[in-house]
């Protein structure tokens, strides 16, 4: 069984603006309360290095690897699986146009493996808060830019 966090929000901004917000990594610190910095070329197989703020435990560096990119629409990444199936993850961001001035943003995170009970026991609530705060902040930032 996996630990899954899914958030969807309709945004009063064109899909192109939301994509710009999601992929403008140098500006994350300006608006993102959860992932305060990120660096990546967004090439499949390339690393994405992030500074993540988990409430109560400060910031930590997280390095994962780009799994897929559909420019203007979606990208996903995963952690390197821990041996013996101990822990693995998948994170994706998807932007879907609704019309010329509105879109839907879908945030998906899943974590699995036999270490899952330990990780979710220690960080599950903070992860839910963090991903939820980021989803709301994406919408706010895109709406301001639009």
N, C-alpha and C. Protein backbone atom coordinates (compact mmCIF):
# COMPACT_ATOMS: atom_id res chain seq x y z
N UNK A 1 0.84 -1.18 0.00
CA UNK A 1 0.00 0.00 0.00
C UNK A 1 0.89 1.24 0.00
N UNK A 2 0.49 2.26 -0.73
CA UNK A 2 1.27 3.49 -0.86
C UNK A 2 0.64 4.61 -0.05
N UNK A 3 1.46 5.57 0.29
CA UNK A 3 1.03 6.83 0.90
C UNK A 3 0.89 7.80 -0.26
N UNK A 4 -0.32 8.33 -0.49
CA UNK A 4 -0.59 9.18 -1.65
C UNK A 4 -1.17 10.51 -1.19
N UNK A 5 -0.63 11.58 -1.80
CA UNK A 5 -1.17 12.92 -1.59
C UNK A 5 -1.52 13.46 -2.97
N UNK A 6 -2.79 13.77 -3.18
CA UNK A 6 -3.23 14.35 -4.44
C UNK A 6 -4.01 15.63 -4.15
N UNK A 7 -3.62 16.67 -4.85
CA UNK A 7 -4.32 17.95 -4.75
C UNK A 7 -4.61 18.43 -6.16
N UNK A 8 -5.80 18.97 -6.35
CA UNK A 8 -6.18 19.55 -7.64
C UNK A 8 -6.80 20.90 -7.36
N UNK A 9 -6.43 21.88 -8.18
CA UNK A 9 -6.99 23.22 -8.02
C UNK A 9 -7.23 23.81 -9.41
N UNK A 10 -8.35 24.50 -9.55
CA UNK A 10 -8.63 25.27 -10.77
C UNK A 10 -8.01 26.64 -10.55
N UNK A 11 -7.29 27.12 -11.55
CA UNK A 11 -6.55 28.37 -11.42
C UNK A 11 -7.04 29.38 -12.45
N UNK A 12 -7.25 30.59 -12.00
CA UNK A 12 -7.68 31.68 -12.88
C UNK A 12 -6.47 32.29 -13.59
N UNK A 13 -5.83 31.47 -14.38
CA UNK A 13 -4.67 31.88 -15.16
C UNK A 13 -4.51 30.88 -16.31
N UNK A 14 -3.94 31.33 -17.42
CA UNK A 14 -3.71 30.39 -18.53
C UNK A 14 -2.71 29.30 -18.13
N UNK A 15 -2.83 28.15 -18.77
CA UNK A 15 -1.94 27.03 -18.49
C UNK A 15 -0.47 27.42 -18.67
N UNK A 16 -0.18 28.27 -19.65
CA UNK A 16 1.20 28.67 -19.90
C UNK A 16 1.80 29.40 -18.69
N UNK A 17 0.99 30.20 -18.01
CA UNK A 17 1.47 30.93 -16.84
C UNK A 17 1.76 29.96 -15.70
N UNK A 18 0.90 29.00 -15.50
CA UNK A 18 1.11 28.01 -14.43
C UNK A 18 2.37 27.19 -14.73
N UNK A 19 2.55 26.80 -15.97
CA UNK A 19 3.76 26.07 -16.35
C UNK A 19 5.00 26.91 -16.05
N UNK A 20 4.94 28.19 -16.38
CA UNK A 20 6.07 29.09 -16.11
C UNK A 20 6.38 29.12 -14.61
N UNK A 21 5.34 29.22 -13.77
CA UNK A 21 5.53 29.24 -12.32
C UNK A 21 6.21 27.94 -11.86
N UNK A 22 5.72 26.81 -12.33
CA UNK A 22 6.24 25.51 -11.90
C UNK A 22 7.68 25.26 -12.34
N UNK A 23 8.08 25.80 -13.47
CA UNK A 23 9.40 25.50 -14.02
C UNK A 23 10.41 26.63 -13.83
N UNK A 24 10.00 27.75 -13.24
CA UNK A 24 10.94 28.84 -12.96
C UNK A 24 11.57 28.59 -11.59
N UNK A 25 12.44 27.59 -11.55
CA UNK A 25 13.03 27.14 -10.29
C UNK A 25 13.76 28.23 -9.50
N UNK A 26 14.50 29.15 -10.14
CA UNK A 26 15.20 30.18 -9.37
C UNK A 26 14.26 31.08 -8.55
N UNK A 27 12.98 31.15 -8.90
CA UNK A 27 12.05 32.01 -8.18
C UNK A 27 11.23 31.28 -7.10
N UNK A 28 11.48 30.00 -6.91
CA UNK A 28 10.70 29.26 -5.92
C UNK A 28 10.72 29.92 -4.54
N UNK A 29 11.84 30.44 -4.11
CA UNK A 29 11.91 31.04 -2.78
C UNK A 29 10.95 32.21 -2.63
N UNK A 30 10.59 32.87 -3.73
CA UNK A 30 9.69 34.02 -3.68
C UNK A 30 8.25 33.66 -3.34
N UNK A 31 7.85 32.44 -3.63
CA UNK A 31 6.43 32.11 -3.47
C UNK A 31 6.15 30.74 -2.85
N UNK A 32 7.10 29.82 -2.87
CA UNK A 32 6.82 28.43 -2.49
C UNK A 32 7.17 28.18 -1.02
N UNK A 33 6.18 27.93 -0.18
CA UNK A 33 6.46 27.71 1.24
C UNK A 33 7.01 26.32 1.57
N UNK A 34 6.94 25.40 0.63
CA UNK A 34 7.35 24.02 0.88
C UNK A 34 8.69 23.70 0.22
N UNK A 35 8.78 23.87 -1.08
CA UNK A 35 10.02 23.63 -1.82
C UNK A 35 10.62 25.01 -2.11
N UNK A 36 11.52 25.45 -1.24
CA UNK A 36 11.99 26.84 -1.29
C UNK A 36 13.07 27.07 -2.34
N UNK A 37 13.61 26.02 -2.92
CA UNK A 37 14.51 26.18 -4.07
C UNK A 37 14.56 24.87 -4.83
N UNK A 38 14.85 24.99 -6.12
CA UNK A 38 14.98 23.81 -6.97
C UNK A 38 15.92 24.15 -8.12
N UNK A 39 16.66 23.16 -8.55
CA UNK A 39 17.55 23.29 -9.70
C UNK A 39 17.43 22.03 -10.54
N UNK A 40 17.20 22.21 -11.84
CA UNK A 40 17.16 21.07 -12.75
C UNK A 40 17.14 21.58 -14.18
N UNK A 41 17.60 20.74 -15.09
CA UNK A 41 17.49 21.02 -16.52
C UNK A 41 16.17 20.49 -17.08
N UNK A 42 15.43 19.75 -16.28
CA UNK A 42 14.19 19.09 -16.69
C UNK A 42 14.40 18.13 -17.86
N UNK A 43 15.55 17.52 -17.93
CA UNK A 43 15.83 16.49 -18.92
C UNK A 43 15.61 15.13 -18.25
N UNK A 44 14.88 14.21 -18.90
CA UNK A 44 14.71 12.89 -18.30
C UNK A 44 16.06 12.27 -17.93
N UNK A 45 16.14 11.78 -16.70
CA UNK A 45 17.36 11.21 -16.16
C UNK A 45 18.23 12.19 -15.41
N UNK A 46 17.98 13.50 -15.59
CA UNK A 46 18.78 14.53 -14.91
C UNK A 46 18.31 14.67 -13.46
N UNK A 47 19.19 15.15 -12.59
CA UNK A 47 18.77 15.36 -11.21
C UNK A 47 17.90 16.61 -11.07
N UNK A 48 17.10 16.62 -10.04
CA UNK A 48 16.42 17.82 -9.57
C UNK A 48 16.79 17.91 -8.09
N UNK A 49 17.46 18.99 -7.74
CA UNK A 49 17.91 19.19 -6.37
C UNK A 49 17.04 20.26 -5.74
N UNK A 50 16.42 19.93 -4.62
CA UNK A 50 15.46 20.82 -3.98
C UNK A 50 15.82 21.06 -2.52
N UNK A 51 15.44 22.22 -2.02
CA UNK A 51 15.47 22.50 -0.58
C UNK A 51 14.01 22.48 -0.15
N UNK A 52 13.67 21.56 0.72
CA UNK A 52 12.30 21.35 1.17
C UNK A 52 12.18 21.77 2.62
N UNK A 53 11.14 22.51 2.92
CA UNK A 53 10.88 22.98 4.28
C UNK A 53 9.76 22.12 4.88
N UNK A 54 10.16 21.26 5.80
CA UNK A 54 9.18 20.46 6.54
C UNK A 54 8.97 21.13 7.89
N UNK A 55 7.74 21.46 8.18
CA UNK A 55 7.43 22.17 9.42
C UNK A 55 7.99 21.42 10.62
N UNK A 56 8.68 22.16 11.45
CA UNK A 56 9.22 21.57 12.67
C UNK A 56 10.60 20.96 12.51
N UNK A 57 11.02 20.71 11.27
CA UNK A 57 12.33 20.09 11.11
C UNK A 57 13.25 20.92 10.22
N UNK A 58 12.90 22.15 9.94
CA UNK A 58 13.75 23.02 9.14
C UNK A 58 13.78 22.62 7.68
N UNK A 59 14.82 23.06 6.99
CA UNK A 59 14.98 22.76 5.58
C UNK A 59 15.93 21.58 5.40
N UNK A 60 15.66 20.80 4.36
CA UNK A 60 16.56 19.70 4.03
C UNK A 60 16.71 19.62 2.52
N UNK A 61 17.88 19.19 2.09
CA UNK A 61 18.13 19.02 0.66
C UNK A 61 17.61 17.67 0.22
N UNK A 62 16.92 17.66 -0.90
CA UNK A 62 16.36 16.44 -1.46
C UNK A 62 16.79 16.38 -2.93
N UNK A 63 17.43 15.30 -3.33
CA UNK A 63 17.82 15.13 -4.73
C UNK A 63 17.06 13.94 -5.29
N UNK A 64 16.38 14.20 -6.39
CA UNK A 64 15.63 13.15 -7.07
C UNK A 64 15.98 13.22 -8.55
N UNK A 65 15.37 12.37 -9.38
CA UNK A 65 15.72 12.31 -10.79
C UNK A 65 14.48 12.44 -11.66
N UNK A 66 14.63 13.28 -12.69
CA UNK A 66 13.51 13.53 -13.61
C UNK A 66 13.15 12.23 -14.33
N UNK A 67 11.89 11.91 -14.27
CA UNK A 67 11.38 10.69 -14.90
C UNK A 67 10.80 11.00 -16.27
N UNK A 68 9.95 12.05 -16.36
CA UNK A 68 9.31 12.38 -17.63
C UNK A 68 9.03 13.87 -17.69
N UNK A 69 8.99 14.38 -18.92
CA UNK A 69 8.66 15.78 -19.17
C UNK A 69 7.81 15.85 -20.43
N UNK A 70 6.68 16.51 -20.32
CA UNK A 70 5.84 16.84 -21.46
C UNK A 70 5.74 18.36 -21.44
N UNK A 71 6.64 19.06 -22.17
CA UNK A 71 6.74 20.52 -22.05
C UNK A 71 5.39 21.23 -22.15
N UNK A 72 5.18 22.13 -21.20
CA UNK A 72 3.95 22.89 -21.14
C UNK A 72 2.81 22.18 -20.45
N UNK A 73 2.99 20.90 -20.16
CA UNK A 73 1.89 20.11 -19.61
C UNK A 73 2.23 19.40 -18.30
N UNK A 74 3.36 18.68 -18.26
CA UNK A 74 3.63 17.85 -17.07
C UNK A 74 5.11 17.51 -16.94
N UNK A 75 5.51 17.28 -15.69
CA UNK A 75 6.81 16.67 -15.42
C UNK A 75 6.71 15.87 -14.15
N UNK A 76 7.57 14.86 -14.06
CA UNK A 76 7.57 14.00 -12.88
C UNK A 76 9.00 13.64 -12.53
N UNK A 77 9.18 13.24 -11.28
CA UNK A 77 10.50 12.81 -10.81
C UNK A 77 10.35 11.81 -9.68
N UNK A 78 11.43 11.08 -9.43
CA UNK A 78 11.45 10.04 -8.40
C UNK A 78 12.74 10.10 -7.61
N UNK A 79 12.67 9.61 -6.40
CA UNK A 79 13.89 9.41 -5.63
C UNK A 79 14.55 8.13 -6.15
N UNK A 80 15.85 8.00 -5.91
CA UNK A 80 16.49 6.72 -6.21
C UNK A 80 15.92 5.72 -5.21
N UNK A 81 15.40 4.62 -5.69
CA UNK A 81 14.84 3.65 -4.74
C UNK A 81 15.90 3.17 -3.76
N UNK A 82 15.49 3.02 -2.53
CA UNK A 82 16.38 2.46 -1.51
C UNK A 82 16.38 0.95 -1.72
N UNK A 83 17.54 0.31 -1.64
CA UNK A 83 17.64 -1.13 -1.93
C UNK A 83 16.63 -1.98 -1.16
N UNK A 84 16.36 -3.11 -1.74
CA UNK A 84 15.46 -4.13 -1.19
C UNK A 84 14.02 -3.65 -1.07
N UNK A 85 13.65 -2.65 -1.88
CA UNK A 85 12.28 -2.15 -1.86
C UNK A 85 11.91 -1.38 -0.62
N UNK A 86 12.90 -0.86 0.10
CA UNK A 86 12.63 -0.18 1.36
C UNK A 86 11.81 1.09 1.18
N UNK A 87 12.11 1.87 0.13
CA UNK A 87 11.39 3.14 -0.07
C UNK A 87 11.55 3.58 -1.52
N UNK A 88 10.46 4.08 -2.08
CA UNK A 88 10.47 4.64 -3.43
C UNK A 88 9.38 5.71 -3.51
N UNK A 89 9.56 6.67 -4.43
CA UNK A 89 8.59 7.76 -4.53
C UNK A 89 8.36 8.16 -5.97
N UNK A 90 7.27 8.88 -6.19
CA UNK A 90 6.96 9.49 -7.47
C UNK A 90 6.24 10.81 -7.18
N UNK A 91 6.69 11.87 -7.84
CA UNK A 91 6.07 13.20 -7.71
C UNK A 91 5.77 13.69 -9.10
N UNK A 92 4.56 14.21 -9.34
CA UNK A 92 4.23 14.75 -10.65
C UNK A 92 3.43 16.03 -10.52
N UNK A 93 3.64 16.88 -11.53
CA UNK A 93 2.92 18.14 -11.68
C UNK A 93 2.28 18.12 -13.06
N UNK A 94 0.98 18.37 -13.14
CA UNK A 94 0.27 18.35 -14.42
C UNK A 94 -0.61 19.59 -14.54
N UNK A 95 -0.51 20.24 -15.69
CA UNK A 95 -1.30 21.44 -15.98
C UNK A 95 -2.20 21.13 -17.17
N UNK A 96 -3.50 21.34 -17.00
CA UNK A 96 -4.47 21.06 -18.05
C UNK A 96 -5.28 22.31 -18.35
N UNK A 97 -5.23 22.82 -19.59
CA UNK A 97 -6.05 24.00 -19.91
C UNK A 97 -7.54 23.68 -19.78
N UNK A 98 -8.28 24.64 -19.25
CA UNK A 98 -9.74 24.55 -19.20
C UNK A 98 -10.30 25.39 -20.33
N UNK A 99 -9.76 26.60 -20.47
CA UNK A 99 -10.06 27.50 -21.58
C UNK A 99 -8.86 28.44 -21.70
N UNK A 100 -8.99 29.51 -22.44
CA UNK A 100 -7.84 30.39 -22.70
C UNK A 100 -7.32 31.09 -21.45
N UNK A 101 -8.14 31.24 -20.42
CA UNK A 101 -7.72 32.00 -19.23
C UNK A 101 -7.81 31.21 -17.93
N UNK A 102 -8.07 29.91 -18.00
CA UNK A 102 -8.17 29.07 -16.80
C UNK A 102 -7.54 27.71 -17.06
N UNK A 103 -7.06 27.09 -16.00
CA UNK A 103 -6.51 25.75 -16.12
C UNK A 103 -6.71 24.99 -14.82
N UNK A 104 -6.33 23.73 -14.86
CA UNK A 104 -6.37 22.88 -13.67
C UNK A 104 -4.93 22.44 -13.40
N UNK A 105 -4.54 22.49 -12.15
CA UNK A 105 -3.23 21.99 -11.73
C UNK A 105 -3.45 20.78 -10.84
N UNK A 106 -2.80 19.68 -11.20
CA UNK A 106 -2.86 18.45 -10.42
C UNK A 106 -1.49 18.16 -9.84
N UNK A 107 -1.44 18.00 -8.54
CA UNK A 107 -0.21 17.67 -7.82
C UNK A 107 -0.38 16.25 -7.29
N UNK A 108 0.61 15.41 -7.56
CA UNK A 108 0.53 14.01 -7.13
C UNK A 108 1.86 13.62 -6.48
N UNK A 109 1.76 12.95 -5.34
CA UNK A 109 2.93 12.42 -4.65
C UNK A 109 2.57 11.05 -4.11
N UNK A 110 3.45 10.11 -4.31
CA UNK A 110 3.24 8.79 -3.70
C UNK A 110 4.55 8.24 -3.20
N UNK A 111 4.44 7.54 -2.11
CA UNK A 111 5.59 6.97 -1.43
C UNK A 111 5.23 5.53 -1.09
N UNK A 112 6.14 4.62 -1.33
CA UNK A 112 5.88 3.22 -1.03
C UNK A 112 7.13 2.52 -0.54
N UNK A 113 6.97 1.29 -0.10
CA UNK A 113 8.08 0.48 0.38
C UNK A 113 7.85 0.07 1.82
N UNK A 114 8.65 -0.88 2.27
CA UNK A 114 8.42 -1.42 3.61
C UNK A 114 8.81 -0.45 4.72
N UNK A 115 9.57 0.62 4.41
CA UNK A 115 9.86 1.65 5.41
C UNK A 115 8.75 2.70 5.52
N UNK A 116 7.74 2.56 4.69
CA UNK A 116 6.65 3.54 4.64
C UNK A 116 6.05 3.86 6.01
N UNK A 117 5.73 2.90 6.86
CA UNK A 117 5.14 3.25 8.16
C UNK A 117 6.04 4.16 9.01
N UNK A 118 7.33 3.95 8.93
CA UNK A 118 8.26 4.77 9.71
C UNK A 118 8.28 6.20 9.16
N UNK A 119 8.42 6.31 7.84
CA UNK A 119 8.52 7.63 7.21
C UNK A 119 7.22 8.42 7.39
N UNK A 120 6.09 7.79 7.15
CA UNK A 120 4.82 8.52 7.30
C UNK A 120 4.53 8.83 8.76
N UNK A 121 4.97 7.98 9.66
CA UNK A 121 4.81 8.27 11.08
C UNK A 121 5.59 9.50 11.50
N UNK A 122 6.78 9.65 10.94
CA UNK A 122 7.63 10.80 11.27
C UNK A 122 7.28 12.06 10.49
N UNK A 123 6.92 11.90 9.21
CA UNK A 123 6.76 13.06 8.34
C UNK A 123 5.45 13.14 7.57
N UNK A 124 4.55 12.22 7.76
CA UNK A 124 3.32 12.19 6.96
C UNK A 124 2.50 13.47 7.05
N UNK A 125 2.25 13.95 8.27
CA UNK A 125 1.45 15.17 8.44
C UNK A 125 2.16 16.38 7.84
N UNK A 126 3.47 16.47 8.02
CA UNK A 126 4.23 17.59 7.46
C UNK A 126 4.23 17.54 5.94
N UNK A 127 4.31 16.36 5.35
CA UNK A 127 4.24 16.23 3.90
C UNK A 127 2.88 16.68 3.38
N UNK A 128 1.81 16.26 4.05
CA UNK A 128 0.47 16.69 3.62
C UNK A 128 0.34 18.21 3.68
N UNK A 129 0.79 18.81 4.76
CA UNK A 129 0.73 20.28 4.88
C UNK A 129 1.59 20.94 3.81
N UNK A 130 2.79 20.42 3.60
CA UNK A 130 3.71 21.01 2.64
C UNK A 130 3.19 20.96 1.22
N UNK A 131 2.74 19.80 0.78
CA UNK A 131 2.22 19.68 -0.59
C UNK A 131 0.95 20.51 -0.77
N UNK A 132 0.09 20.54 0.25
CA UNK A 132 -1.12 21.37 0.17
C UNK A 132 -0.79 22.85 0.08
N UNK A 133 0.19 23.29 0.87
CA UNK A 133 0.60 24.70 0.84
C UNK A 133 1.21 25.05 -0.51
N UNK A 134 1.97 24.13 -1.09
CA UNK A 134 2.56 24.41 -2.40
C UNK A 134 1.49 24.52 -3.47
N UNK A 135 0.50 23.64 -3.45
CA UNK A 135 -0.58 23.70 -4.44
C UNK A 135 -1.30 25.04 -4.36
N UNK A 136 -1.62 25.48 -3.15
CA UNK A 136 -2.29 26.78 -2.99
C UNK A 136 -1.39 27.92 -3.46
N UNK A 137 -0.10 27.81 -3.19
CA UNK A 137 0.83 28.87 -3.57
C UNK A 137 1.04 28.93 -5.09
N UNK A 138 1.01 27.79 -5.77
CA UNK A 138 1.08 27.78 -7.24
C UNK A 138 -0.09 28.58 -7.79
N UNK A 139 -1.28 28.31 -7.27
CA UNK A 139 -2.47 29.02 -7.74
C UNK A 139 -2.37 30.52 -7.47
N UNK A 140 -1.94 30.88 -6.27
CA UNK A 140 -1.81 32.31 -5.93
C UNK A 140 -0.80 33.00 -6.83
N UNK A 141 0.36 32.38 -7.01
CA UNK A 141 1.43 32.99 -7.82
C UNK A 141 0.98 33.16 -9.28
N UNK A 142 0.38 32.13 -9.84
CA UNK A 142 -0.06 32.19 -11.24
C UNK A 142 -1.15 33.24 -11.42
N UNK A 143 -2.06 33.31 -10.48
CA UNK A 143 -3.14 34.31 -10.56
C UNK A 143 -2.56 35.72 -10.51
N UNK A 144 -1.59 35.94 -9.64
CA UNK A 144 -0.93 37.27 -9.55
C UNK A 144 -0.22 37.62 -10.85
N UNK A 145 0.47 36.64 -11.46
CA UNK A 145 1.20 36.91 -12.69
C UNK A 145 0.28 37.11 -13.89
N UNK A 146 -0.89 36.45 -13.86
CA UNK A 146 -1.85 36.59 -14.96
C UNK A 146 -2.48 37.96 -14.93
